[in-house]
Structure formats: structure tokens, C-alpha cells
Amino acid sequence: MAHAAVMSLHAICCGLPALAVLAAAVSGATSGVTLLAGYVGEIHQFLHGHELWIIATSAALVVTGGWFELSSRRHHNHGFPWLFAFSVLCFFANVTIILVHRAVG
């Protein structure tokens, strides 16, 4: 569940705005782009105001998921932990995006 929560945070913080921008670019409708830009701008400002909390929550979920993964693997070998690996990848993607965005903006 912790892995799913990290991926959900990543989808909301990064995927939703990226999807909105892609949809606006593909649509080619200037009025739709204008409306979408205002909506995405509000989400963007909200996320900026809470990005440290988002990263802290994401880190806590990755650590919790890692602990559960380790506890489970003490008793059973489940193969490579793909979901945990993707969870860690999402966490580092969030951190990288925030650091790059702060450096540029």
C-alpha cells in the first residue's frame, strides 16, 4: 500500500500537470489552452506551497514500503521487488523534478 501511495503522489504531482499540458498541446484549441492554463496554474501554485510536505510524505512511504518489503522477504523469496523499485524511482523523480524546477524558476 505504501508503494501505491508513493506512485499516486507522483501521478498527482507530476503526471496530472504533464497530462494536462499534453492534452492542451494536442487539442490545438486556444480557448481550451487558456482555460487549462489557468486551472493547471492553480494546481501548480498549490503543489509549490506543499512540495516539502509531499517529498517528506513520499520519503516516509518509501521507507515504510521498504521496511514491509524487507519484513516480507525474511520469510519468503518473492523475486525482484518491481513495485518497490518503481516506488523508489517515482520518489527520486519527484525530488529531481522539484530540484530542477527550483533551479530554473
PDB file of N, CA and C in Angstrom:
ATOM      1  N   MET A   1       0.829  -1.193   0.000  1.00  0.00           N
ATOM      2  CA  MET A   1       0.000   0.000   0.000  1.00  0.00           C
ATOM      3  C   MET A   1       0.873   1.257   0.000  1.00  0.00           C
ATOM      4  N   ALA A   2       2.016   1.182   0.699  1.00  0.00           N
ATOM      5  CA  ALA A   2       2.908   2.340   0.726  1.00  0.00           C
ATOM      6  C   ALA A   2       3.450   2.625  -0.669  1.00  0.00           C
ATOM      7  N   HIS A   3       3.771   1.572  -1.435  1.00  0.00           N
ATOM      8  CA  HIS A   3       4.275   1.761  -2.792  1.00  0.00           C
ATOM      9  C   HIS A   3       3.205   2.425  -3.661  1.00  0.00           C
ATOM     10  N   ALA A   4       1.987   1.967  -3.537  1.00  0.00           N
ATOM     11  CA  ALA A   4       0.889   2.549  -4.316  1.00  0.00           C
ATOM     12  C   ALA A   4       0.680   4.006  -3.942  1.00  0.00           C
ATOM     13  N   ALA A   5       0.832   4.348  -2.669  1.00  0.00           N
ATOM     14  CA  ALA A   5       0.672   5.730  -2.239  1.00  0.00           C
ATOM     15  C   ALA A   5       1.756   6.626  -2.838  1.00  0.00           C
ATOM     16  N   VAL A   6       3.000   6.132  -2.875  1.00  0.00           N
ATOM     17  CA  VAL A   6       4.091   6.922  -3.481  1.00  0.00           C
ATOM     18  C   VAL A   6       3.819   7.154  -4.964  1.00  0.00           C
ATOM     19  N   MET A   7       3.399   6.107  -5.650  1.00  0.00           N
ATOM     20  CA  MET A   7       3.120   6.249  -7.084  1.00  0.00           C
ATOM     21  C   MET A   7       1.923   7.164  -7.318  1.00  0.00           C
ATOM     22  N   SER A   8       0.953   7.142  -6.421  1.00  0.00           N
ATOM     23  CA  SER A   8      -0.196   8.042  -6.537  1.00  0.00           C
ATOM     24  C   SER A   8       0.229   9.487  -6.350  1.00  0.00           C
ATOM     25  N   LEU A   9       1.083   9.742  -5.347  1.00  0.00           N
ATOM     26  CA  LEU A   9       1.607  11.101  -5.164  1.00  0.00           C
ATOM     27  C   LEU A   9       2.345  11.557  -6.413  1.00  0.00           C
ATOM     28  N   HIS A  10       3.149  10.676  -6.981  1.00  0.00           N
ATOM     29  CA  HIS A  10       3.895  11.036  -8.181  1.00  0.00           C
ATOM     30  C   HIS A  10       2.946  11.320  -9.344  1.00  0.00           C
ATOM     31  N   ALA A  11       1.914  10.513  -9.483  1.00  0.00           N
ATOM     32  CA  ALA A  11       0.948  10.718 -10.571  1.00  0.00           C
ATOM     33  C   ALA A  11       0.218  12.044 -10.414  1.00  0.00           C
ATOM     34  N   ILE A  12      -0.140  12.401  -9.190  1.00  0.00           N
ATOM     35  CA  ILE A  12      -0.856  13.655  -8.951  1.00  0.00           C
ATOM     36  C   ILE A  12       0.076  14.845  -9.147  1.00  0.00           C
ATOM     37  N   CYS A  13       1.270  14.782  -8.571  1.00  0.00           N
ATOM     38  CA  CYS A  13       2.194  15.924  -8.608  1.00  0.00           C
ATOM     39  C   CYS A  13       2.814  16.149  -9.978  1.00  0.00           C
ATOM     40  N   CYS A  14       3.133  15.087 -10.666  1.00  0.00           N
ATOM     41  CA  CYS A  14       3.869  15.216 -11.923  1.00  0.00           C
ATOM     42  C   CYS A  14       3.054  14.776 -13.132  1.00  0.00           C
ATOM     43  N   GLY A  15       2.365  13.687 -12.994  1.00  0.00           N
ATOM     44  CA  GLY A  15       1.636  13.126 -14.129  1.00  0.00           C
ATOM     45  C   GLY A  15       0.438  13.938 -14.541  1.00  0.00           C
ATOM     46  N   LEU A  16      -0.347  14.416 -13.573  1.00  0.00           N
ATOM     47  CA  LEU A  16      -1.551  15.179 -13.893  1.00  0.00           C
ATOM     48  C   LEU A  16      -1.235  16.480 -14.626  1.00  0.00           C
ATOM     49  N   PRO A  17      -0.306  17.310 -14.121  1.00  0.00           N
ATOM     50  CA  PRO A  17       0.041  18.515 -14.884  1.00  0.00           C
ATOM     51  C   PRO A  17       0.645  18.201 -16.254  1.00  0.00           C
ATOM     52  N   ALA A  18       1.478  17.169 -16.326  1.00  0.00           N
ATOM     53  CA  ALA A  18       2.071  16.802 -17.617  1.00  0.00           C
ATOM     54  C   ALA A  18       0.992  16.348 -18.594  1.00  0.00           C
ATOM     55  N   LEU A  19       0.044  15.577 -18.114  1.00  0.00           N
ATOM     56  CA  LEU A  19      -1.058  15.129 -18.955  1.00  0.00           C
ATOM     57  C   LEU A  19      -1.908  16.305 -19.419  1.00  0.00           C
ATOM     58  N   ALA A  20      -2.137  17.266 -18.548  1.00  0.00           N
ATOM     59  CA  ALA A  20      -2.926  18.447 -18.910  1.00  0.00           C
ATOM     60  C   ALA A  20      -2.223  19.264 -19.990  1.00  0.00           C
ATOM     61  N   VAL A  21      -0.930  19.455 -19.848  1.00  0.00           N
ATOM     62  CA  VAL A  21      -0.165  20.203 -20.851  1.00  0.00           C
ATOM     63  C   VAL A  21      -0.166  19.458 -22.176  1.00  0.00           C
ATOM     64  N   LEU A  22      -0.004  18.153 -22.125  1.00  0.00           N
ATOM     65  CA  LEU A  22      -0.025  17.342 -23.345  1.00  0.00           C
ATOM     66  C   LEU A  22      -1.394  17.419 -24.018  1.00  0.00           C
ATOM     67  N   ALA A  23      -2.455  17.348 -23.232  1.00  0.00           N
ATOM     68  CA  ALA A  23      -3.804  17.439 -23.792  1.00  0.00           C
ATOM     69  C   ALA A  23      -4.032  18.792 -24.448  1.00  0.00           C
ATOM     70  N   ALA A  24      -3.541  19.846 -23.820  1.00  0.00           N
ATOM     71  CA  ALA A  24      -3.688  21.175 -24.398  1.00  0.00           C
ATOM     72  C   ALA A  24      -2.891  21.304 -25.689  1.00  0.00           C
ATOM     73  N   ALA A  25      -1.695  20.742 -25.710  1.00  0.00           N
ATOM     74  CA  ALA A  25      -0.860  20.821 -26.907  1.00  0.00           C
ATOM     75  C   ALA A  25      -1.468  20.040 -28.060  1.00  0.00           C
ATOM     76  N   VAL A  26      -2.043  18.882 -27.757  1.00  0.00           N
ATOM     77  CA  VAL A  26      -2.626  18.046 -28.794  1.00  0.00           C
ATOM     78  C   VAL A  26      -3.930  18.639 -29.326  1.00  0.00           C
ATOM     79  N   SER A  27      -4.694  19.290 -28.450  1.00  0.00           N
ATOM     80  CA  SER A  27      -6.006  19.800 -28.858  1.00  0.00           C
ATOM     81  C   SER A  27      -5.890  20.923 -29.879  1.00  0.00           C
ATOM     82  N   GLY A  28      -4.899  21.792 -29.701  1.00  0.00           N
ATOM     83  CA  GLY A  28      -4.730  22.900 -30.638  1.00  0.00           C
ATOM     84  C   GLY A  28      -5.775  23.982 -30.484  1.00  0.00           C
ATOM     85  N   ALA A  29      -6.652  23.850 -29.527  1.00  0.00           N
ATOM     86  CA  ALA A  29      -7.708  24.853 -29.325  1.00  0.00           C
ATOM     87  C   ALA A  29      -7.200  25.908 -28.353  1.00  0.00           C
ATOM     88  N   THR A  30      -7.091  27.149 -28.817  1.00  0.00           N
ATOM     89  CA  THR A  30      -6.526  28.196 -27.975  1.00  0.00           C
ATOM     90  C   THR A  30      -7.403  28.511 -26.772  1.00  0.00           C
ATOM     91  N   SER A  31      -8.714  28.458 -26.914  1.00  0.00           N
ATOM     92  CA  SER A  31      -9.567  28.730 -25.755  1.00  0.00           C
ATOM     93  C   SER A  31      -9.422  27.625 -24.715  1.00  0.00           C
ATOM     94  N   GLY A  32      -9.293  26.392 -25.171  1.00  0.00           N
ATOM     95  CA  GLY A  32      -9.075  25.277 -24.250  1.00  0.00           C
ATOM     96  C   GLY A  32      -7.739  25.391 -23.543  1.00  0.00           C
ATOM     97  N   VAL A  33      -6.722  25.835 -24.252  1.00  0.00           N
ATOM     98  CA  VAL A  33      -5.397  26.018 -23.664  1.00  0.00           C
ATOM     99  C   VAL A  33      -5.454  27.103 -22.604  1.00  0.00           C
ATOM    100  N   THR A  34      -6.168  28.189 -22.877  1.00  0.00           N
ATOM    101  CA  THR A  34      -6.283  29.288 -21.923  1.00  0.00           C
ATOM    102  C   THR A  34      -6.991  28.826 -20.660  1.00  0.00           C
ATOM    103  N   LEU A  35      -8.085  28.107 -20.804  1.00  0.00           N
ATOM    104  CA  LEU A  35      -8.796  27.599 -19.632  1.00  0.00           C
ATOM    105  C   LEU A  35      -7.943  26.602 -18.872  1.00  0.00           C
ATOM    106  N   LEU A  36      -7.280  25.734 -19.582  1.00  0.00           N
ATOM    107  CA  LEU A  36      -6.448  24.719 -18.962  1.00  0.00           C
ATOM    108  C   LEU A  36      -5.251  25.340 -18.256  1.00  0.00           C
ATOM    109  N   ALA A  37      -4.679  26.380 -18.851  1.00  0.00           N
ATOM    110  CA  ALA A  37      -3.518  27.036 -18.250  1.00  0.00           C
ATOM    111  C   ALA A  37      -3.873  27.632 -16.897  1.00  0.00           C
ATOM    112  N   GLY A  38      -5.055  28.237 -16.784  1.00  0.00           N
ATOM    113  CA  GLY A  38      -5.480  28.793 -15.504  1.00  0.00           C
ATOM    114  C   GLY A  38      -5.660  27.713 -14.452  1.00  0.00           C
ATOM    115  N   TYR A  39      -6.268  26.609 -14.841  1.00  0.00           N
ATOM    116  CA  TYR A  39      -6.503  25.504 -13.917  1.00  0.00           C
ATOM    117  C   TYR A  39      -5.191  24.861 -13.487  1.00  0.00           C
ATOM    118  N   VAL A  40      -4.313  24.601 -14.447  1.00  0.00           N
ATOM    119  CA  VAL A  40      -3.018  23.988 -14.135  1.00  0.00           C
ATOM    120  C   VAL A  40      -2.179  24.947 -13.293  1.00  0.00           C
ATOM    121  N   GLY A  41      -2.306  26.249 -13.560  1.00  0.00           N
ATOM    122  CA  GLY A  41      -1.571  27.242 -12.771  1.00  0.00           C
ATOM    123  C   GLY A  41      -1.952  27.199 -11.301  1.00  0.00           C
ATOM    124  N   GLU A  42      -3.246  27.016 -11.023  1.00  0.00           N
ATOM    125  CA  GLU A  42      -3.696  26.919  -9.633  1.00  0.00           C
ATOM    126  C   GLU A  42      -3.148  25.667  -8.959  1.00  0.00           C
ATOM    127  N   ILE A  43      -3.196  24.547  -9.665  1.00  0.00           N
ATOM    128  CA  ILE A  43      -2.641  23.296  -9.120  1.00  0.00           C
ATOM    129  C   ILE A  43      -1.142  23.450  -8.895  1.00  0.00           C
ATOM    130  N   HIS A  44      -0.473  24.078  -9.860  1.00  0.00           N
ATOM    131  CA  HIS A  44       0.974  24.285  -9.782  1.00  0.00           C
ATOM    132  C   HIS A  44       1.336  25.104  -8.540  1.00  0.00           C
ATOM    133  N   GLN A  45       0.616  26.183  -8.292  1.00  0.00           N
ATOM    134  CA  GLN A  45       0.893  27.019  -7.115  1.00  0.00           C
ATOM    135  C   GLN A  45       0.627  26.255  -5.817  1.00  0.00           C
ATOM    136  N   PHE A  46      -0.443  25.472  -5.799  1.00  0.00           N
ATOM    137  CA  PHE A  46      -0.753  24.678  -4.610  1.00  0.00           C
ATOM    138  C   PHE A  46       0.373  23.680  -4.327  1.00  0.00           C
ATOM    139  N   LEU A  47       0.822  22.992  -5.375  1.00  0.00           N
ATOM    140  CA  LEU A  47       1.881  21.997  -5.199  1.00  0.00           C
ATOM    141  C   LEU A  47       3.180  22.647  -4.738  1.00  0.00           C
ATOM    142  N   HIS A  48       3.496  23.836  -5.274  1.00  0.00           N
ATOM    143  CA  HIS A  48       4.704  24.538  -4.838  1.00  0.00           C
ATOM    144  C   HIS A  48       4.644  24.880  -3.363  1.00  0.00           C
ATOM    145  N   GLY A  49       3.477  25.236  -2.891  1.00  0.00           N
ATOM    146  CA  GLY A  49       3.332  25.581  -1.481  1.00  0.00           C
ATOM    147  C   GLY A  49       3.470  24.386  -0.556  1.00  0.00           C
ATOM    148  N   HIS A  50       3.322  23.193  -1.088  1.00  0.00           N
ATOM    149  CA  HIS A  50       3.343  21.987  -0.265  1.00  0.00           C
ATOM    150  C   HIS A  50       4.397  20.972  -0.707  1.00  0.00           C
ATOM    151  N   GLU A  51       5.361  21.373  -1.530  1.00  0.00           N
ATOM    152  CA  GLU A  51       6.287  20.389  -2.092  1.00  0.00           C
ATOM    153  C   GLU A  51       7.175  19.727  -1.041  1.00  0.00           C
ATOM    154  N   LEU A  52       7.559  20.446  -0.004  1.00  0.00           N
ATOM    155  CA  LEU A  52       8.383  19.816   1.031  1.00  0.00           C
ATOM    156  C   LEU A  52       7.586  18.760   1.799  1.00  0.00           C
ATOM    157  N   TRP A  53       6.315  19.021   2.032  1.00  0.00           N
ATOM    158  CA  TRP A  53       5.451  18.033   2.683  1.00  0.00           C
ATOM    159  C   TRP A  53       5.244  16.830   1.771  1.00  0.00           C
ATOM    160  N   ILE A  54       5.111  17.079   0.502  1.00  0.00           N
ATOM    161  CA  ILE A  54       4.926  15.996  -0.462  1.00  0.00           C
ATOM    162  C   ILE A  54       6.159  15.100  -0.483  1.00  0.00           C
ATOM    163  N   ILE A  55       7.334  15.701  -0.516  1.00  0.00           N
ATOM    164  CA  ILE A  55       8.579  14.924  -0.523  1.00  0.00           C
ATOM    165  C   ILE A  55       8.753  14.173   0.792  1.00  0.00           C
ATOM    166  N   ALA A  56       8.451  14.833   1.916  1.00  0.00           N
ATOM    167  CA  ALA A  56       8.585  14.164   3.217  1.00  0.00           C
ATOM    168  C   ALA A  56       7.626  12.985   3.327  1.00  0.00           C
ATOM    169  N   THR A  57       6.394  13.177   2.880  1.00  0.00           N
ATOM    170  CA  THR A  57       5.413  12.090   2.905  1.00  0.00           C
ATOM    171  C   THR A  57       5.849  10.957   1.992  1.00  0.00           C
ATOM    172  N   SER A  58       6.322  11.321   0.802  1.00  0.00           N
ATOM    173  CA  SER A  58       6.789  10.322  -0.153  1.00  0.00           C
ATOM    174  C   SER A  58       7.966   9.532   0.423  1.00  0.00           C
ATOM    175  N   ALA A  59       8.903  10.228   1.057  1.00  0.00           N
ATOM    176  CA  ALA A  59      10.062   9.550   1.657  1.00  0.00           C
ATOM    177  C   ALA A  59       9.617   8.606   2.771  1.00  0.00           C
ATOM    178  N   ALA A  60       8.684   9.051   3.598  1.00  0.00           N
ATOM    179  CA  ALA A  60       8.185   8.198   4.677  1.00  0.00           C
ATOM    180  C   ALA A  60       7.504   6.952   4.120  1.00  0.00           C
ATOM    181  N   LEU A  61       6.763   7.123   3.033  1.00  0.00           N
ATOM    182  CA  LEU A  61       6.098   5.977   2.415  1.00  0.00           C
ATOM    183  C   LEU A  61       7.096   5.010   1.781  1.00  0.00           C
ATOM    184  N   VAL A  62       8.167   5.539   1.175  1.00  0.00           N
ATOM    185  CA  VAL A  62       9.197   4.664   0.594  1.00  0.00           C
ATOM    186  C   VAL A  62       9.895   3.877   1.696  1.00  0.00           C
ATOM    187  N   VAL A  63      10.219   4.539   2.806  1.00  0.00           N
ATOM    188  CA  VAL A  63      10.869   3.845   3.923  1.00  0.00           C
ATOM    189  C   VAL A  63       9.928   2.795   4.509  1.00  0.00           C
ATOM    190  N   THR A  64       8.663   3.157   4.688  1.00  0.00           N
ATOM    191  CA  THR A  64       7.680   2.197   5.213  1.00  0.00           C
ATOM    192  C   THR A  64       7.531   1.008   4.269  1.00  0.00           C
ATOM    193  N   GLY A  65       7.409   1.278   2.974  1.00  0.00           N
ATOM    194  CA  GLY A  65       7.305   0.207   1.990  1.00  0.00           C
ATOM    195  C   GLY A  65       8.541  -0.669   1.973  1.00  0.00           C
ATOM    196  N   GLY A  66       9.709  -0.036   2.105  1.00  0.00           N
ATOM    197  CA  GLY A  66      10.955  -0.804   2.151  1.00  0.00           C
ATOM    198  C   GLY A  66      11.018  -1.703   3.377  1.00  0.00           C
ATOM    199  N   TRP A  67      10.558  -1.194   4.509  1.00  0.00           N
ATOM    200  CA  TRP A  67      10.546  -1.992   5.732  1.00  0.00           C
ATOM    201  C   TRP A  67       9.594  -3.180   5.586  1.00  0.00           C
ATOM    202  N   PHE A  68       8.397  -2.927   5.029  1.00  0.00           N
ATOM    203  CA  PHE A  68       7.450  -4.024   4.794  1.00  0.00           C
ATOM    204  C   PHE A  68       8.013  -5.037   3.797  1.00  0.00           C
ATOM    205  N   GLU A  69       8.678  -4.535   2.782  1.00  0.00           N
ATOM    206  CA  GLU A  69       9.281  -5.411   1.764  1.00  0.00           C
ATOM    207  C   GLU A  69      10.345  -6.292   2.411  1.00  0.00           C
ATOM    208  N   LEU A  70      11.205  -5.691   3.221  1.00  0.00           N
ATOM    209  CA  LEU A  70      12.258  -6.442   3.909  1.00  0.00           C
ATOM    210  C   LEU A  70      11.666  -7.464   4.878  1.00  0.00           C
ATOM    211  N   SER A  71      10.653  -7.062   5.623  1.00  0.00           N
ATOM    212  CA  SER A  71       9.995  -7.978   6.564  1.00  0.00           C
ATOM    213  C   SER A  71       9.386  -9.168   5.836  1.00  0.00           C
ATOM    214  N   SER A  72       8.771  -8.920   4.707  1.00  0.00           N
ATOM    215  CA  SER A  72       8.143  -9.986   3.935  1.00  0.00           C
ATOM    216  C   SER A  72       9.192 -10.942   3.363  1.00  0.00           C
ATOM    217  N   ARG A  73      10.327 -10.392   2.940  1.00  0.00           N
ATOM    218  CA  ARG A  73      11.361 -11.202   2.300  1.00  0.00           C
ATOM    219  C   ARG A  73      12.165 -12.032   3.294  1.00  0.00           C
ATOM    220  N   ARG A  74      12.032 -11.751   4.568  1.00  0.00           N
ATOM    221  CA  ARG A  74      12.711 -12.578   5.572  1.00  0.00           C
ATOM    222  C   ARG A  74      12.131 -13.987   5.600  1.00  0.00           C
ATOM    223  N   HIS A  75      10.862 -14.095   5.242  1.00  0.00           N
ATOM    224  CA  HIS A  75      10.175 -15.375   5.316  1.00  0.00           C
ATOM    225  C   HIS A  75       9.959 -16.027   3.952  1.00  0.00           C
ATOM    226  N   HIS A  76       9.909 -15.218   2.888  1.00  0.00           N
ATOM    227  CA  HIS A  76       9.635 -15.735   1.552  1.00  0.00           C
ATOM    228  C   HIS A  76      10.472 -14.986   0.522  1.00  0.00           C
ATOM    229  N   ASN A  77      10.905 -15.687  -0.492  1.00  0.00           N
ATOM    230  CA  ASN A  77      11.591 -15.037  -1.602  1.00  0.00           C
ATOM    231  C   ASN A  77      10.565 -14.801  -2.705  1.00  0.00           C
ATOM    232  N   HIS A  78      10.280 -13.535  -2.952  1.00  0.00           N
ATOM    233  CA  HIS A  78       9.248 -13.176  -3.928  1.00  0.00           C
ATOM    234  C   HIS A  78       9.828 -12.727  -5.267  1.00  0.00           C
ATOM    235  N   GLY A  79      11.102 -12.911  -5.488  1.00  0.00           N
ATOM    236  CA  GLY A  79      11.716 -12.421  -6.717  1.00  0.00           C
ATOM    237  C   GLY A  79      12.076 -10.950  -6.581  1.00  0.00           C
ATOM    238  N   PHE A  80      12.372 -10.336  -7.697  1.00  0.00           N
ATOM    239  CA  PHE A  80      12.766  -8.923  -7.677  1.00  0.00           C
ATOM    240  C   PHE A  80      11.583  -8.054  -7.270  1.00  0.00           C
ATOM    241  N   PRO A  81      11.788  -7.095  -6.364  1.00  0.00           N
ATOM    242  CA  PRO A  81      10.685  -6.249  -5.890  1.00  0.00           C
ATOM    243  C   PRO A  81      10.374  -5.111  -6.873  1.00  0.00           C
ATOM    244  N   TRP A  82       9.698  -5.430  -7.961  1.00  0.00           N
ATOM    245  CA  TRP A  82       9.426  -4.450  -9.015  1.00  0.00           C
ATOM    246  C   TRP A  82       8.630  -3.255  -8.513  1.00  0.00           C
ATOM    247  N   LEU A  83       7.624  -3.497  -7.706  1.00  0.00           N
ATOM    248  CA  LEU A  83       6.791  -2.401  -7.216  1.00  0.00           C
ATOM    249  C   LEU A  83       7.592  -1.470  -6.317  1.00  0.00           C
ATOM    250  N   PHE A  84       8.446  -2.048  -5.460  1.00  0.00           N
ATOM    251  CA  PHE A  84       9.297  -1.220  -4.615  1.00  0.00           C
ATOM    252  C   PHE A  84      10.290  -0.427  -5.453  1.00  0.00           C
ATOM    253  N   ALA A  85      10.865  -1.050  -6.454  1.00  0.00           N
ATOM    254  CA  ALA A  85      11.813  -0.359  -7.335  1.00  0.00           C
ATOM    255  C   ALA A  85      11.131   0.812  -8.047  1.00  0.00           C
ATOM    256  N   PHE A  86       9.905   0.597  -8.514  1.00  0.00           N
ATOM    257  CA  PHE A  86       9.176   1.669  -9.178  1.00  0.00           C
ATOM    258  C   PHE A  86       8.819   2.769  -8.192  1.00  0.00           C
ATOM    259  N   SER A  87       8.505   2.399  -6.965  1.00  0.00           N
ATOM    260  CA  SER A  87       8.216   3.361  -5.913  1.00  0.00           C
ATOM    261  C   SER A  87       9.431   4.254  -5.646  1.00  0.00           C
ATOM    262  N   VAL A  88      10.604   3.635  -5.542  1.00  0.00           N
ATOM    263  CA  VAL A  88      11.847   4.398  -5.330  1.00  0.00           C
ATOM    264  C   VAL A  88      12.129   5.295  -6.533  1.00  0.00           C
ATOM    265  N   LEU A  89      11.908   4.778  -7.736  1.00  0.00           N
ATOM    266  CA  LEU A  89      12.098   5.578  -8.951  1.00  0.00           C
ATOM    267  C   LEU A  89      11.184   6.799  -8.949  1.00  0.00           C
ATOM    268  N   CYS A  90       9.922   6.618  -8.581  1.00  0.00           N
ATOM    269  CA  CYS A  90       8.985   7.744  -8.508  1.00  0.00           C
ATOM    270  C   CYS A  90       9.444   8.774  -7.481  1.00  0.00           C
ATOM    271  N   PHE A  91       9.932   8.299  -6.335  1.00  0.00           N
ATOM    272  CA  PHE A  91      10.418   9.220  -5.310  1.00  0.00           C
ATOM    273  C   PHE A  91      11.571  10.065  -5.845  1.00  0.00           C
ATOM    274  N   PHE A  92      12.558   9.412  -6.462  1.00  0.00           N
ATOM    275  CA  PHE A  92      13.699  10.157  -6.985  1.00  0.00           C
ATOM    276  C   PHE A  92      13.297  11.063  -8.156  1.00  0.00           C
ATOM    277  N   ALA A  93      12.314  10.657  -8.920  1.00  0.00           N
ATOM    278  CA  ALA A  93      11.804  11.524  -9.989  1.00  0.00           C
ATOM    279  C   ALA A  93      11.169  12.774  -9.388  1.00  0.00           C
ATOM    280  N   ASN A  94      10.383  12.618  -8.321  1.00  0.00           N
ATOM    281  CA  ASN A  94       9.779  13.777  -7.655  1.00  0.00           C
ATOM    282  C   ASN A  94      10.853  14.732  -7.139  1.00  0.00           C
ATOM    283  N   VAL A  95      11.862  14.187  -6.467  1.00  0.00           N
ATOM    284  CA  VAL A  95      12.936  15.019  -5.920  1.00  0.00           C
ATOM    285  C   VAL A  95      13.674  15.741  -7.044  1.00  0.00           C
ATOM    286  N   THR A  96      13.993  15.030  -8.109  1.00  0.00           N
ATOM    287  CA  THR A  96      14.710  15.625  -9.245  1.00  0.00           C
ATOM    288  C   THR A  96      13.892  16.732  -9.889  1.00  0.00           C
ATOM    289  N   ILE A  97      12.620  16.492 -10.109  1.00  0.00           N
ATOM    290  CA  ILE A  97      11.758  17.494 -10.730  1.00  0.00           C
ATOM    291  C   ILE A  97      11.687  18.747  -9.868  1.00  0.00           C
ATOM    292  N   ILE A  98      11.547  18.585  -8.563  1.00  0.00           N
ATOM    293  CA  ILE A  98      11.479  19.742  -7.668  1.00  0.00           C
ATOM    294  C   ILE A  98      12.799  20.499  -7.663  1.00  0.00           C
ATOM    295  N   LEU A  99      13.924  19.790  -7.587  1.00  0.00           N
ATOM    296  CA  LEU A  99      15.226  20.467  -7.582  1.00  0.00           C
ATOM    297  C   LEU A  99      15.488  21.212  -8.890  1.00  0.00           C
ATOM    298  N   VAL A 100      15.171  20.582 -10.013  1.00  0.00           N
ATOM    299  CA  VAL A 100      15.370  21.244 -11.306  1.00  0.00           C
ATOM    300  C   VAL A 100      14.442  22.450 -11.429  1.00  0.00           C
ATOM    301  N   HIS A 101      13.216  22.294 -10.989  1.00  0.00           N
ATOM    302  CA  HIS A 101      12.252  23.377 -11.095  1.00  0.00           C
ATOM    303  C   HIS A 101      12.676  24.566 -10.233  1.00  0.00           C
ATOM    304  N   ARG A 102      13.205  24.287  -9.049  1.00  0.00           N
ATOM    305  CA  ARG A 102      13.684  25.365  -8.175  1.00  0.00           C
ATOM    306  C   ARG A 102      14.918  26.057  -8.769  1.00  0.00           C
ATOM    307  N   ALA A 103      15.783  25.284  -9.416  1.00  0.00           N
ATOM    308  CA  ALA A 103      16.981  25.865 -10.018  1.00  0.00           C
ATOM    309  C   ALA A 103      16.640  26.745 -11.216  1.00  0.00           C
ATOM    310  N   VAL A 104      15.637  26.336 -11.983  1.00  0.00           N
ATOM    311  CA  VAL A 104      15.252  27.084 -13.171  1.00  0.00           C
ATOM    312  C   VAL A 104      14.360  28.261 -12.828  1.00  0.00           C
ATOM    313  N   GLY A 105      13.425  28.052 -11.911  1.00  0.00           N
ATOM    314  CA  GLY A 105      12.422  29.076 -11.602  1.00  0.00           C
ATOM    315  C   GLY A 105      12.832  29.898 -10.485  1.00  0.00           C
TER     316      GLY A 105
END
